[in-house]
Amino acid sequence: MRYAYILTPSGMVEKANLTHRFLRRKMQEFDELKAEIEALRSEMSTLSGMDTYVAKAGAVRPVDVA
């Protein structure tokens, strides 16, 4: 079943505000994830002399963490 609706001027403003808040929240989450990934990469790079491996489907293979 489909519905058609018309946004009023105040409804358009509210929808724009909701979208703005959603994007701001998602951008913050993205920045936090980037920082966490960078911290993990930094931590991995300090493990000098150690090979890094990932187990996948029963096989172990070296991975590049840089």
Protein backbone atom coordinates (compact mmCIF):
# COMPACT_ATOMS: atom_id res chain seq x y z
CA MET A 1 0.00 0.00 0.00
CA ARG A 2 1.41 3.39 -0.95
CA TYR A 3 0.83 6.67 0.76
CA ALA A 4 1.22 10.11 -0.71
CA TYR A 5 1.69 13.10 1.50
CA ILE A 6 2.55 16.73 1.17
CA LEU A 7 4.99 18.33 3.55
CA THR A 8 3.93 21.60 5.05
CA PRO A 9 6.57 24.34 5.40
CA SER A 10 7.00 23.48 9.09
CA GLY A 11 7.17 19.77 8.20
CA MET A 12 9.92 20.48 5.70
CA VAL A 13 11.87 22.40 8.34
CA GLU A 14 11.48 19.52 10.82
CA LYS A 15 12.55 16.96 8.21
CA ALA A 16 15.60 19.08 7.37
CA ASN A 17 16.47 19.36 11.08
CA LEU A 18 16.12 15.60 11.55
CA THR A 19 18.34 14.96 8.55
CA HIS A 20 20.94 17.42 9.81
CA ARG A 21 21.03 15.79 13.26
CA PHE A 22 21.26 12.32 11.71
CA LEU A 23 24.16 13.30 9.45
CA ARG A 24 25.96 15.08 12.28
CA ARG A 25 25.63 11.96 14.49
CA LYS A 26 26.82 9.63 11.70
CA MET A 27 29.77 11.88 10.89
CA GLN A 28 30.76 11.84 14.59
CA GLU A 29 30.54 8.03 14.62
CA PHE A 30 32.67 7.91 11.46
CA ASP A 31 35.32 10.18 13.01
CA GLU A 32 35.39 8.01 16.15
CA LEU A 33 35.80 4.85 14.07
CA LYS A 34 38.62 6.44 12.05
CA ALA A 35 40.40 7.37 15.30
CA GLU A 36 39.93 3.86 16.68
CA ILE A 37 41.30 2.31 13.48
CA GLU A 38 44.29 4.66 13.53
CA ALA A 39 44.97 3.77 17.18
CA LEU A 40 44.83 0.06 16.35
CA ARG A 41 47.15 0.53 13.38
CA SER A 42 49.56 2.46 15.56
CA GLU A 43 49.43 -0.27 18.19
CA MET A 44 50.08 -2.91 15.54
CA SER A 45 53.04 -1.01 14.13
CA THR A 46 54.69 -1.00 17.57
CA LEU A 47 54.72 -4.77 17.56
CA SER A 48 58.06 -4.81 15.76
CA GLY A 49 59.47 -8.12 14.68
CA MET A 50 56.15 -9.88 15.00
CA ASP A 51 54.26 -11.17 12.00
CA THR A 52 50.55 -10.45 11.93
CA TYR A 53 48.22 -13.21 10.86
CA VAL A 54 44.52 -13.52 10.32
CA ALA A 55 42.62 -16.78 10.55
CA LYS A 56 40.00 -17.10 7.87
CA ALA A 57 37.92 -20.18 7.12
CA GLY A 58 40.41 -22.53 8.75
CA ALA A 59 43.45 -21.05 7.01
CA VAL A 60 45.98 -18.65 8.47
CA ARG A 61 47.50 -16.02 6.23
CA PRO A 62 49.75 -13.02 6.87
CA VAL A 63 48.17 -9.60 6.48
CA ASP A 64 49.51 -6.13 5.85
CA VAL A 65 48.44 -3.80 8.68
CA ALA A 66 49.86 -0.63 7.17
